[in-house]
PDB file of N, CA and C in Angstrom:
ATOM      1  N   MET A   1      97.364 126.264  74.125  1.00  0.00           N
ATOM      2  CA  MET A   1      97.188 125.047  75.357  1.00  0.00           C
ATOM      3  C   MET A   1      97.590 125.737  76.530  1.00  0.00           C
ATOM      4  N   LEU A   2      97.074 125.419  77.515  1.00  0.00           N
ATOM      5  CA  LEU A   2      97.157 126.342  78.750  1.00  0.00           C
ATOM      6  C   LEU A   2      98.909 125.014  79.567  1.00  0.00           C
ATOM      7  N   SER A   3      99.787 126.013  79.922  1.00  0.00           N
ATOM      8  CA  SER A   3     100.965 124.654  80.960  1.00  0.00           C
ATOM      9  C   SER A   3     100.456 124.998  82.066  1.00  0.00           C
ATOM     10  N   LEU A   4     100.478 123.641  83.026  1.00  0.00           N
ATOM     11  CA  LEU A   4     100.434 124.104  84.630  1.00  0.00           C
ATOM     12  C   LEU A   4     101.400 123.843  85.302  1.00  0.00           C
ATOM     13  N   TYR A   5     101.774 124.056  86.275  1.00  0.00           N
ATOM     14  CA  TYR A   5     102.647 123.727  87.497  1.00  0.00           C
ATOM     15  C   TYR A   5     102.020 123.657  88.425  1.00  0.00           C
ATOM     16  N   LEU A   6     102.162 122.452  89.409  1.00  0.00           N
ATOM     17  CA  LEU A   6     101.532 121.861  90.169  1.00  0.00           C
ATOM     18  C   LEU A   6     102.555 122.021  91.668  1.00  0.00           C
ATOM     19  N   ASP A   7     101.307 122.938  92.525  1.00  0.00           N
ATOM     20  CA  ASP A   7     102.274 122.998  93.784  1.00  0.00           C
ATOM     21  C   ASP A   7     102.531 121.553  95.079  1.00  0.00           C
ATOM     22  N   GLU A   8     103.263 122.013  96.065  1.00  0.00           N
ATOM     23  CA  GLU A   8     103.790 120.324  96.566  1.00  0.00           C
ATOM     24  C   GLU A   8     102.022 120.242  96.993  1.00  0.00           C
ATOM     25  N   ASP A   9     100.785 120.738  97.395  1.00  0.00           N
ATOM     26  CA  ASP A   9      99.707 120.036  97.666  1.00  0.00           C
ATOM     27  C   ASP A   9      99.109 119.205  96.721  1.00  0.00           C
ATOM     28  N   SER A  10      99.256 119.744  95.159  1.00  0.00           N
ATOM     29  CA  SER A  10      98.724 118.791  94.147  1.00  0.00           C
ATOM     30  C   SER A  10      99.696 117.811  93.491  1.00  0.00           C
ATOM     31  N   MET A  11     100.558 117.917  93.754  1.00  0.00           N
ATOM     32  CA  MET A  11     101.651 117.104  92.707  1.00  0.00           C
ATOM     33  C   MET A  11     101.573 115.633  92.917  1.00  0.00           C
ATOM     34  N   ASP A  12     100.245 115.072  93.088  1.00  0.00           N
ATOM     35  CA  ASP A  12      99.943 112.996  92.774  1.00  0.00           C
ATOM     36  C   ASP A  12     100.704 112.951  91.632  1.00  0.00           C
ATOM     37  N   LYS A  13     101.591 111.790  91.913  1.00  0.00           N
ATOM     38  CA  LYS A  13     102.190 111.470  90.578  1.00  0.00           C
ATOM     39  C   LYS A  13     101.371 110.784  89.701  1.00  0.00           C
ATOM     40  N   ALA A  14     100.653 109.682  90.110  1.00  0.00           N
ATOM     41  CA  ALA A  14      99.481 109.823  89.047  1.00  0.00           C
ATOM     42  C   ALA A  14      98.517 110.677  88.203  1.00  0.00           C
ATOM     43  N   LEU A  15      98.294 111.734  88.556  1.00  0.00           N
ATOM     44  CA  LEU A  15      97.843 112.942  88.135  1.00  0.00           C
ATOM     45  C   LEU A  15      98.356 113.558  86.921  1.00  0.00           C
ATOM     46  N   VAL A  16     100.071 113.583  87.569  1.00  0.00           N
ATOM     47  CA  VAL A  16     100.892 113.951  85.947  1.00  0.00           C
ATOM     48  C   VAL A  16     100.843 113.438  85.523  1.00  0.00           C
ATOM     49  N   ASN A  17     100.939 112.227  85.467  1.00  0.00           N
ATOM     50  CA  ASN A  17     101.081 110.885  84.793  1.00  0.00           C
ATOM     51  C   ASN A  17     100.069 110.491  83.814  1.00  0.00           C
ATOM     52  N   ALA A  18      98.831 111.018  84.252  1.00  0.00           N
ATOM     53  CA  ALA A  18      97.787 111.095  83.090  1.00  0.00           C
ATOM     54  C   ALA A  18      97.944 112.430  82.389  1.00  0.00           C
ATOM     55  N   LEU A  19      98.313 113.400  83.088  1.00  0.00           N
ATOM     56  CA  LEU A  19      97.843 114.800  82.143  1.00  0.00           C
ATOM     57  C   LEU A  19      98.813 114.416  81.242  1.00  0.00           C
ATOM     58  N   LYS A  20     100.153 113.738  81.629  1.00  0.00           N
ATOM     59  CA  LYS A  20     101.309 113.872  80.547  1.00  0.00           C
ATOM     60  C   LYS A  20     100.947 113.240  79.479  1.00  0.00           C
ATOM     61  N   ALA A  21      99.962 111.986  79.715  1.00  0.00           N
ATOM     62  CA  ALA A  21      99.477 110.906  78.556  1.00  0.00           C
ATOM     63  C   ALA A  21      98.752 111.363  77.875  1.00  0.00           C
ATOM     64  N   ARG A  22      98.244 112.799  78.179  1.00  0.00           N
ATOM     65  CA  ARG A  22      97.008 113.215  77.379  1.00  0.00           C
ATOM     66  C   ARG A  22      97.261 114.648  76.621  1.00  0.00           C
ATOM     67  N   GLY A  23      99.013 114.888  76.599  1.00  0.00           N
ATOM     68  CA  GLY A  23      99.302 116.371  76.485  1.00  0.00           C
ATOM     69  C   GLY A  23      99.812 117.423  76.794  1.00  0.00           C
ATOM     70  N   VAL A  24      99.399 117.275  77.719  1.00  0.00           N
ATOM     71  CA  VAL A  24      99.183 118.081  78.980  1.00  0.00           C
ATOM     72  C   VAL A  24     100.922 118.613  79.351  1.00  0.00           C
ATOM     73  N   ASP A  25     101.532 119.727  79.288  1.00  0.00           N
ATOM     74  CA  ASP A  25     102.629 120.262  79.736  1.00  0.00           C
ATOM     75  C   ASP A  25     102.704 120.788  81.166  1.00  0.00           C
ATOM     76  N   VAL A  26     103.140 119.921  81.716  1.00  0.00           N
ATOM     77  CA  VAL A  26     103.139 119.855  83.340  1.00  0.00           C
ATOM     78  C   VAL A  26     104.125 120.169  83.923  1.00  0.00           C
ATOM     79  N   ILE A  27     104.366 120.397  84.941  1.00  0.00           N
ATOM     80  CA  ILE A  27     105.592 120.746  85.550  1.00  0.00           C
ATOM     81  C   ILE A  27     105.450 120.399  87.149  1.00  0.00           C
ATOM     82  N   THR A  28     105.911 120.002  88.329  1.00  0.00           N
ATOM     83  CA  THR A  28     105.220 120.209  89.856  1.00  0.00           C
ATOM     84  C   THR A  28     106.352 120.776  90.494  1.00  0.00           C
ATOM     85  N   ALA A  29     106.344 121.140  91.368  1.00  0.00           N
ATOM     86  CA  ALA A  29     106.934 121.615  92.570  1.00  0.00           C
ATOM     87  C   ALA A  29     108.512 120.907  92.949  1.00  0.00           C
ATOM     88  N   GLY A  30     108.107 119.663  93.004  1.00  0.00           N
ATOM     89  CA  GLY A  30     109.719 119.018  93.007  1.00  0.00           C
ATOM     90  C   GLY A  30     110.012 118.694  91.489  1.00  0.00           C
ATOM     91  N   ASP A  31     109.958 119.005  90.381  1.00  0.00           N
ATOM     92  CA  ASP A  31     110.327 119.228  89.264  1.00  0.00           C
ATOM     93  C   ASP A  31     111.181 120.619  89.347  1.00  0.00           C
ATOM     94  N   ALA A  32     110.909 121.673  89.940  1.00  0.00           N
ATOM     95  CA  ALA A  32     111.112 122.626  89.693  1.00  0.00           C
ATOM     96  C   ALA A  32     112.091 123.161  90.783  1.00  0.00           C
ATOM     97  N   GLY A  33     112.370 121.985  91.672  1.00  0.00           N
ATOM     98  CA  GLY A  33     113.135 122.805  92.828  1.00  0.00           C
ATOM     99  C   GLY A  33     112.708 123.270  94.288  1.00  0.00           C
ATOM    100  N   MET A  34     111.302 123.749  93.928  1.00  0.00           N
ATOM    101  CA  MET A  34     110.363 124.628  94.765  1.00  0.00           C
ATOM    102  C   MET A  34     109.801 123.918  95.457  1.00  0.00           C
ATOM    103  N   ILE A  35     110.153 122.766  96.201  1.00  0.00           N
ATOM    104  CA  ILE A  35     109.911 122.243  97.687  1.00  0.00           C
ATOM    105  C   ILE A  35     109.757 122.746  98.836  1.00  0.00           C
ATOM    106  N   GLY A  36     109.101 123.046  99.645  1.00  0.00           N
ATOM    107  CA  GLY A  36     109.482 124.176 100.798  1.00  0.00           C
ATOM    108  C   GLY A  36     108.965 125.868 100.888  1.00  0.00           C
ATOM    109  N   CYS A  37     108.973 126.057  99.577  1.00  0.00           N
ATOM    110  CA  CYS A  37     109.012 127.008  99.387  1.00  0.00           C
ATOM    111  C   CYS A  37     107.607 128.390  99.973  1.00  0.00           C
ATOM    112  N   SER A  38     107.768 129.568  99.679  1.00  0.00           N
ATOM    113  CA  SER A  38     106.436 130.407 100.132  1.00  0.00           C
ATOM    114  C   SER A  38     105.145 129.972  98.845  1.00  0.00           C
ATOM    115  N   ASP A  39     103.898 130.217  99.340  1.00  0.00           N
ATOM    116  CA  ASP A  39     103.247 130.400  98.528  1.00  0.00           C
ATOM    117  C   ASP A  39     103.201 131.040  97.150  1.00  0.00           C
ATOM    118  N   GLU A  40     104.004 132.339  98.014  1.00  0.00           N
ATOM    119  CA  GLU A  40     103.408 133.515  96.856  1.00  0.00           C
ATOM    120  C   GLU A  40     104.693 132.962  95.899  1.00  0.00           C
ATOM    121  N   ASP A  41     106.200 132.614  96.465  1.00  0.00           N
ATOM    122  CA  ASP A  41     107.067 132.289  95.746  1.00  0.00           C
ATOM    123  C   ASP A  41     106.843 130.719  94.868  1.00  0.00           C
ATOM    124  N   HIS A  42     105.570 130.307  95.101  1.00  0.00           N
ATOM    125  CA  HIS A  42     105.017 129.480  94.078  1.00  0.00           C
ATOM    126  C   HIS A  42     104.488 130.102  93.068  1.00  0.00           C
ATOM    127  N   LEU A  43     103.981 130.620  93.408  1.00  0.00           N
ATOM    128  CA  LEU A  43     103.119 131.361  92.017  1.00  0.00           C
ATOM    129  C   LEU A  43     103.642 132.889  91.597  1.00  0.00           C
ATOM    130  N   ASP A  44     104.726 132.806  92.205  1.00  0.00           N
ATOM    131  CA  ASP A  44     105.927 133.515  91.437  1.00  0.00           C
ATOM    132  C   ASP A  44     106.417 133.223  90.109  1.00  0.00           C
ATOM    133  N   PHE A  45     106.658 131.978  90.729  1.00  0.00           N
ATOM    134  CA  PHE A  45     107.927 130.817  89.949  1.00  0.00           C
ATOM    135  C   PHE A  45     106.855 130.559  88.729  1.00  0.00           C
ATOM    136  N   ALA A  46     105.599 130.185  89.092  1.00  0.00           N
ATOM    137  CA  ALA A  46     104.852 129.568  87.912  1.00  0.00           C
ATOM    138  C   ALA A  46     104.145 130.809  86.816  1.00  0.00           C
ATOM    139  N   THR A  47     104.380 131.899  87.290  1.00  0.00           N
ATOM    140  CA  THR A  47     104.433 133.071  86.486  1.00  0.00           C
ATOM    141  C   THR A  47     105.763 133.350  85.809  1.00  0.00           C
ATOM    142  N   SER A  48     106.225 133.164  86.181  1.00  0.00           N
ATOM    143  CA  SER A  48     107.804 133.556  85.894  1.00  0.00           C
ATOM    144  C   SER A  48     107.698 132.930  84.547  1.00  0.00           C
ATOM    145  N   VAL A  49     107.454 131.129  84.602  1.00  0.00           N
ATOM    146  CA  VAL A  49     107.875 130.292  83.761  1.00  0.00           C
ATOM    147  C   VAL A  49     106.127 130.098  82.412  1.00  0.00           C
ATOM    148  N   GLY A  50     105.536 130.913  82.663  1.00  0.00           N
ATOM    149  CA  GLY A  50     104.113 131.171  81.799  1.00  0.00           C
ATOM    150  C   GLY A  50     103.051 130.138  82.336  1.00  0.00           C
ATOM    151  N   ARG A  51     103.238 129.680  83.421  1.00  0.00           N
ATOM    152  CA  ARG A  51     102.378 128.408  83.996  1.00  0.00           C
ATOM    153  C   ARG A  51     101.315 128.447  84.497  1.00  0.00           C
ATOM    154  N   VAL A  52     100.093 128.038  84.782  1.00  0.00           N
ATOM    155  CA  VAL A  52      99.314 127.984  85.525  1.00  0.00           C
ATOM    156  C   VAL A  52      99.087 127.208  86.920  1.00  0.00           C
ATOM    157  N   LEU A  53      99.030 128.098  88.153  1.00  0.00           N
ATOM    158  CA  LEU A  53      98.921 127.359  89.248  1.00  0.00           C
ATOM    159  C   LEU A  53      98.061 126.292  89.247  1.00  0.00           C
ATOM    160  N   TYR A  54      97.889 124.902  90.040  1.00  0.00           N
ATOM    161  CA  TYR A  54      96.765 123.830  90.190  1.00  0.00           C
ATOM    162  C   TYR A  54      97.568 123.507  91.236  1.00  0.00           C
ATOM    163  N   THR A  55      96.322 124.059  92.255  1.00  0.00           N
ATOM    164  CA  THR A  55      96.602 123.815  93.775  1.00  0.00           C
ATOM    165  C   THR A  55      95.218 123.621  94.448  1.00  0.00           C
ATOM    166  N   PHE A  56      95.557 122.685  95.806  1.00  0.00           N
ATOM    167  CA  PHE A  56      94.203 122.246  96.674  1.00  0.00           C
ATOM    168  C   PHE A  56      94.158 123.559  97.889  1.00  0.00           C
ATOM    169  N   ASN A  57      95.367 124.296  97.781  1.00  0.00           N
ATOM    170  CA  ASN A  57      95.420 125.411  99.127  1.00  0.00           C
ATOM    171  C   ASN A  57      94.585 126.670  98.658  1.00  0.00           C
ATOM    172  N   ARG A  58      93.093 126.600  98.808  1.00  0.00           N
ATOM    173  CA  ARG A  58      91.927 127.396  97.981  1.00  0.00           C
ATOM    174  C   ARG A  58      92.238 128.968  99.196  1.00  0.00           C
ATOM    175  N   GLY A  59      91.926 128.398 100.099  1.00  0.00           N
ATOM    176  CA  GLY A  59      91.946 129.945 101.096  1.00  0.00           C
ATOM    177  C   GLY A  59      93.607 130.758 100.777  1.00  0.00           C
ATOM    178  N   ASP A  60      94.539 130.432 100.810  1.00  0.00           N
ATOM    179  CA  ASP A  60      95.858 131.295 100.982  1.00  0.00           C
ATOM    180  C   ASP A  60      95.813 131.577  99.646  1.00  0.00           C
ATOM    181  N   PHE A  61      95.625 130.830  98.545  1.00  0.00           N
ATOM    182  CA  PHE A  61      96.121 131.149  97.076  1.00  0.00           C
ATOM    183  C   PHE A  61      95.109 132.068  96.605  1.00  0.00           C
ATOM    184  N   TYR A  62      93.488 132.235  97.545  1.00  0.00           N
ATOM    185  CA  TYR A  62      92.843 132.860  96.836  1.00  0.00           C
ATOM    186  C   TYR A  62      93.237 134.350  97.333  1.00  0.00           C
ATOM    187  N   GLN A  63      93.386 134.216  98.724  1.00  0.00           N
ATOM    188  CA  GLN A  63      93.845 135.617  99.665  1.00  0.00           C
ATOM    189  C   GLN A  63      95.061 136.020  98.556  1.00  0.00           C
ATOM    190  N   LEU A  64      96.215 135.177  98.333  1.00  0.00           N
ATOM    191  CA  LEU A  64      97.722 135.915  97.403  1.00  0.00           C
ATOM    192  C   LEU A  64      96.624 136.488  96.149  1.00  0.00           C
ATOM    193  N   HIS A  65      95.563 135.925  95.697  1.00  0.00           N
ATOM    194  CA  HIS A  65      95.169 136.150  93.942  1.00  0.00           C
ATOM    195  C   HIS A  65      94.739 137.667  94.267  1.00  0.00           C
ATOM    196  N   THR A  66      93.807 137.876  95.367  1.00  0.00           N
ATOM    197  CA  THR A  66      93.264 139.357  95.750  1.00  0.00           C
ATOM    198  C   THR A  66      94.340 140.045  96.248  1.00  0.00           C
ATOM    199  N   LYS A  67      95.503 139.906  96.356  1.00  0.00           N
ATOM    200  CA  LYS A  67      96.388 140.920  97.370  1.00  0.00           C
ATOM    201  C   LYS A  67      97.284 141.031  95.558  1.00  0.00           C
ATOM    202  N   TYR A  68      97.549 140.098  94.833  1.00  0.00           N
ATOM    203  CA  TYR A  68      98.166 140.342  93.753  1.00  0.00           C
ATOM    204  C   TYR A  68      97.416 141.236  92.899  1.00  0.00           C
ATOM    205  N   LEU A  69      95.809 141.308  92.813  1.00  0.00           N
ATOM    206  CA  LEU A  69      95.115 142.261  92.160  1.00  0.00           C
ATOM    207  C   LEU A  69      95.344 143.731  92.788  1.00  0.00           C
ATOM    208  N   ALA A  70      95.089 143.827  93.987  1.00  0.00           N
ATOM    209  CA  ALA A  70      94.994 145.016  95.095  1.00  0.00           C
ATOM    210  C   ALA A  70      96.586 145.791  94.640  1.00  0.00           C
ATOM    211  N   GLU A  71      97.598 144.903  94.259  1.00  0.00           N
ATOM    212  CA  GLU A  71      98.537 145.691  94.055  1.00  0.00           C
ATOM    213  C   GLU A  71      99.659 146.100  92.555  1.00  0.00           C
ATOM    214  N   GLY A  72      98.458 145.366  91.879  1.00  0.00           N
ATOM    215  CA  GLY A  72      98.542 145.366  90.598  1.00  0.00           C
ATOM    216  C   GLY A  72      99.877 144.419  89.823  1.00  0.00           C
ATOM    217  N   LYS A  73      99.491 143.391  90.508  1.00  0.00           N
ATOM    218  CA  LYS A  73     100.757 142.690  90.260  1.00  0.00           C
ATOM    219  C   LYS A  73      99.700 141.746  89.301  1.00  0.00           C
ATOM    220  N   PHE A  74     100.917 140.752  88.454  1.00  0.00           N
ATOM    221  CA  PHE A  74     100.149 139.953  87.191  1.00  0.00           C
ATOM    222  C   PHE A  74     100.495 138.520  87.505  1.00  0.00           C
ATOM    223  N   HIS A  75      99.885 137.530  87.386  1.00  0.00           N
ATOM    224  CA  HIS A  75      99.976 136.164  87.630  1.00  0.00           C
ATOM    225  C   HIS A  75      99.302 135.629  85.917  1.00  0.00           C
ATOM    226  N   VAL A  76      99.463 134.355  85.934  1.00  0.00           N
ATOM    227  CA  VAL A  76      99.235 134.007  84.756  1.00  0.00           C
ATOM    228  C   VAL A  76      97.793 132.956  84.755  1.00  0.00           C
ATOM    229  N   GLY A  77      97.691 132.494  86.255  1.00  0.00           N
ATOM    230  CA  GLY A  77      96.226 132.059  86.350  1.00  0.00           C
ATOM    231  C   GLY A  77      96.279 131.270  87.402  1.00  0.00           C
ATOM    232  N   ILE A  78      95.201 130.809  87.965  1.00  0.00           N
ATOM    233  CA  ILE A  78      95.339 130.017  89.569  1.00  0.00           C
ATOM    234  C   ILE A  78      93.968 128.673  89.441  1.00  0.00           C
ATOM    235  N   ILE A  79      94.042 127.387  89.228  1.00  0.00           N
ATOM    236  CA  ILE A  79      92.908 126.453  89.488  1.00  0.00           C
ATOM    237  C   ILE A  79      92.913 126.055  91.068  1.00  0.00           C
ATOM    238  N   LEU A  80      91.741 126.200  91.646  1.00  0.00           N
ATOM    239  CA  LEU A  80      91.785 125.600  92.518  1.00  0.00           C
ATOM    240  C   LEU A  80      90.950 124.542  93.212  1.00  0.00           C
ATOM    241  N   ALA A  81      91.093 123.492  93.952  1.00  0.00           N
ATOM    242  CA  ALA A  81      90.142 122.376  94.099  1.00  0.00           C
ATOM    243  C   ALA A  81      90.470 121.913  95.440  1.00  0.00           C
ATOM    244  N   LYS A  82      89.274 121.765  96.149  1.00  0.00           N
ATOM    245  CA  LYS A  82      89.159 121.351  97.547  1.00  0.00           C
ATOM    246  C   LYS A  82      90.304 119.841  97.711  1.00  0.00           C
ATOM    247  N   GLN A  83      90.307 119.794  98.866  1.00  0.00           N
ATOM    248  CA  GLN A  83      91.104 118.696  98.734  1.00  0.00           C
ATOM    249  C   GLN A  83      90.783 117.811  99.203  1.00  0.00           C
ATOM    250  N   GLN A  84      91.481 116.547  98.734  1.00  0.00           N
ATOM    251  CA  GLN A  84      90.804 115.200  98.817  1.00  0.00           C
ATOM    252  C   GLN A  84      89.134 114.751  98.726  1.00  0.00           C
ATOM    253  N   ARG A  85      89.095 115.772  98.351  1.00  0.00           N
ATOM    254  CA  ARG A  85      87.407 115.818  97.526  1.00  0.00           C
ATOM    255  C   ARG A  85      86.896 115.518  95.949  1.00  0.00           C
ATOM    256  N   TYR A  86      88.183 115.085  95.103  1.00  0.00           N
ATOM    257  CA  TYR A  86      88.290 114.904  93.673  1.00  0.00           C
ATOM    258  C   TYR A  86      89.384 113.332  93.690  1.00  0.00           C
ATOM    259  N   SER A  87      88.757 112.570  93.058  1.00  0.00           N
ATOM    260  CA  SER A  87      89.140 111.087  92.512  1.00  0.00           C
ATOM    261  C   SER A  87      91.113 111.703  91.330  1.00  0.00           C
ATOM    262  N   ILE A  88      91.673 110.988  91.097  1.00  0.00           N
ATOM    263  CA  ILE A  88      92.636 111.474  90.109  1.00  0.00           C
ATOM    264  C   ILE A  88      91.628 111.547  88.636  1.00  0.00           C
ATOM    265  N   GLY A  89      90.893 110.704  88.679  1.00  0.00           N
ATOM    266  CA  GLY A  89      90.156 110.628  87.349  1.00  0.00           C
ATOM    267  C   GLY A  89      89.383 112.302  87.110  1.00  0.00           C
ATOM    268  N   GLN A  90      89.301 112.289  88.119  1.00  0.00           N
ATOM    269  CA  GLN A  90      87.801 113.734  88.418  1.00  0.00           C
ATOM    270  C   GLN A  90      88.684 114.939  88.227  1.00  0.00           C
ATOM    271  N   GLN A  91      89.704 114.730  88.458  1.00  0.00           N
ATOM    272  CA  GLN A  91      90.311 116.167  88.499  1.00  0.00           C
ATOM    273  C   GLN A  91      90.697 116.124  86.986  1.00  0.00           C
ATOM    274  N   MET A  92      91.613 115.386  86.508  1.00  0.00           N
ATOM    275  CA  MET A  92      92.290 115.484  85.416  1.00  0.00           C
ATOM    276  C   MET A  92      90.722 115.707  84.260  1.00  0.00           C
ATOM    277  N   ARG A  93      89.853 114.957  84.328  1.00  0.00           N
ATOM    278  CA  ARG A  93      88.957 115.930  83.273  1.00  0.00           C
ATOM    279  C   ARG A  93      88.394 117.008  83.790  1.00  0.00           C
ATOM    280  N   GLN A  94      88.366 117.670  85.020  1.00  0.00           N
ATOM    281  CA  GLN A  94      88.055 118.967  84.872  1.00  0.00           C
ATOM    282  C   GLN A  94      89.340 119.875  84.490  1.00  0.00           C
ATOM    283  N   LEU A  95      90.495 119.463  85.059  1.00  0.00           N
ATOM    284  CA  LEU A  95      91.560 120.149  84.238  1.00  0.00           C
ATOM    285  C   LEU A  95      91.630 120.028  82.797  1.00  0.00           C
ATOM    286  N   LEU A  96      91.463 119.288  82.408  1.00  0.00           N
ATOM    287  CA  LEU A  96      91.247 119.029  80.974  1.00  0.00           C
ATOM    288  C   LEU A  96      90.160 120.268  79.936  1.00  0.00           C
ATOM    289  N   GLU A  97      88.772 120.001  80.944  1.00  0.00           N
ATOM    290  CA  GLU A  97      87.870 120.587  80.516  1.00  0.00           C
ATOM    291  C   GLU A  97      88.403 122.240  80.723  1.00  0.00           C
ATOM    292  N   ILE A  98      89.341 122.557  81.780  1.00  0.00           N
ATOM    293  CA  ILE A  98      89.874 124.511  81.643  1.00  0.00           C
ATOM    294  C   ILE A  98      90.598 124.522  80.825  1.00  0.00           C
ATOM    295  N   ILE A  99      91.948 123.520  80.369  1.00  0.00           N
ATOM    296  CA  ILE A  99      92.690 123.614  79.542  1.00  0.00           C
ATOM    297  C   ILE A  99      91.862 123.372  78.165  1.00  0.00           C
ATOM    298  N   GLY A 100      90.935 123.053  77.630  1.00  0.00           N
ATOM    299  CA  GLY A 100      90.526 123.045  76.361  1.00  0.00           C
ATOM    300  C   GLY A 100      89.450 124.107  76.221  1.00  0.00           C
ATOM    301  N   THR A 101      89.201 124.932  77.524  1.00  0.00           N
ATOM    302  CA  THR A 101      87.820 125.801  77.045  1.00  0.00           C
ATOM    303  C   THR A 101      88.505 127.065  77.552  1.00  0.00           C
ATOM    304  N   LYS A 102      90.088 127.440  78.272  1.00  0.00           N
ATOM    305  CA  LYS A 102      90.315 128.682  78.643  1.00  0.00           C
ATOM    306  C   LYS A 102      91.549 128.957  77.851  1.00  0.00           C
ATOM    307  N   SER A 103      91.778 130.435  77.463  1.00  0.00           N
ATOM    308  CA  SER A 103      92.393 130.673  76.449  1.00  0.00           C
ATOM    309  C   SER A 103      93.312 131.411  77.797  1.00  0.00           C
ATOM    310  N   THR A 104      94.619 131.439  77.209  1.00  0.00           N
ATOM    311  CA  THR A 104      96.260 131.894  78.051  1.00  0.00           C
ATOM    312  C   THR A 104      95.314 133.461  78.524  1.00  0.00           C
ATOM    313  N   GLU A 105      94.684 134.166  77.456  1.00  0.00           N
ATOM    314  CA  GLU A 105      94.135 135.625  77.874  1.00  0.00           C
ATOM    315  C   GLU A 105      93.076 135.514  79.066  1.00  0.00           C
ATOM    316  N   GLU A 106      92.373 134.544  78.880  1.00  0.00           N
ATOM    317  CA  GLU A 106      91.675 134.640  80.043  1.00  0.00           C
ATOM    318  C   GLU A 106      92.061 133.944  81.376  1.00  0.00           C
ATOM    319  N   MET A 107      92.942 133.221  81.491  1.00  0.00           N
ATOM    320  CA  MET A 107      93.206 132.940  82.533  1.00  0.00           C
ATOM    321  C   MET A 107      94.310 133.995  83.510  1.00  0.00           C
ATOM    322  N   GLN A 108      94.472 134.885  82.618  1.00  0.00           N
ATOM    323  CA  GLN A 108      95.416 135.899  83.280  1.00  0.00           C
ATOM    324  C   GLN A 108      95.272 136.514  84.437  1.00  0.00           C
ATOM    325  N   ASN A 109      95.470 136.614  85.392  1.00  0.00           N
ATOM    326  CA  ASN A 109      94.948 137.351  86.370  1.00  0.00           C
ATOM    327  C   ASN A 109      93.541 136.763  87.185  1.00  0.00           C
ATOM    328  N   ASN A 110      92.883 135.370  86.443  1.00  0.00           N
ATOM    329  CA  ASN A 110      92.177 134.931  86.922  1.00  0.00           C
ATOM    330  C   ASN A 110      91.904 133.732  88.178  1.00  0.00           C
ATOM    331  N   VAL A 111      91.059 133.477  88.439  1.00  0.00           N
ATOM    332  CA  VAL A 111      91.166 132.207  89.862  1.00  0.00           C
ATOM    333  C   VAL A 111      89.946 131.008  89.001  1.00  0.00           C
ATOM    334  N   GLU A 112      90.336 129.554  88.455  1.00  0.00           N
ATOM    335  CA  GLU A 112      88.819 128.985  88.269  1.00  0.00           C
ATOM    336  C   GLU A 112      89.295 127.909  89.063  1.00  0.00           C
ATOM    337  N   PHE A 113      87.825 127.443  89.638  1.00  0.00           N
ATOM    338  CA  PHE A 113      87.668 126.572  90.645  1.00  0.00           C
ATOM    339  C   PHE A 113      87.714 125.043  90.097  1.00  0.00           C
ATOM    340  N   LEU A 114      87.429 123.803  90.341  1.00  0.00           N
ATOM    341  CA  LEU A 114      87.230 122.746  90.128  1.00  0.00           C
ATOM    342  C   LEU A 114      85.854 122.510  90.564  1.00  0.00           C
ATOM    343  N   LYS A 115      84.604 121.751  89.896  1.00  0.00           N
ATOM    344  CA  LYS A 115      83.396 122.017  90.167  1.00  0.00           C
ATOM    345  C   LYS A 115      83.188 120.808  91.121  1.00  0.00           C
ATOM    346  N   ASP A 116      82.301 121.171  91.962  1.00  0.00           N
ATOM    347  CA  ASP A 116      81.961 120.412  93.229  1.00  0.00           C
ATOM    348  C   ASP A 116      80.841 118.846  92.312  1.00  0.00           C
TER     349      ASP A 116
END
């Protein structure tokens, strides 16, 4: 099962608790002492601890993903969502679907989007 890292944009306490209640291995930027770090630092941290990064910061992280691929750098995976578009329940259900259907190998250097 995929492990998640929620950056500062996505680390809603209710979402974290709902995911943990369903057995998801999830940590936040706050848990990791990463508040105020750059996007690249967040992605590098998530990769270093083997976690897929979840964020609402779609534009910046998609650009970072593209940069990593161009430079031959590796990341564990990124899940992107539109900010303030989804309820906690919608986020949880879609994250659980991705976690349940994607392998670690399928997520490597890959970006998934929550559905509209």
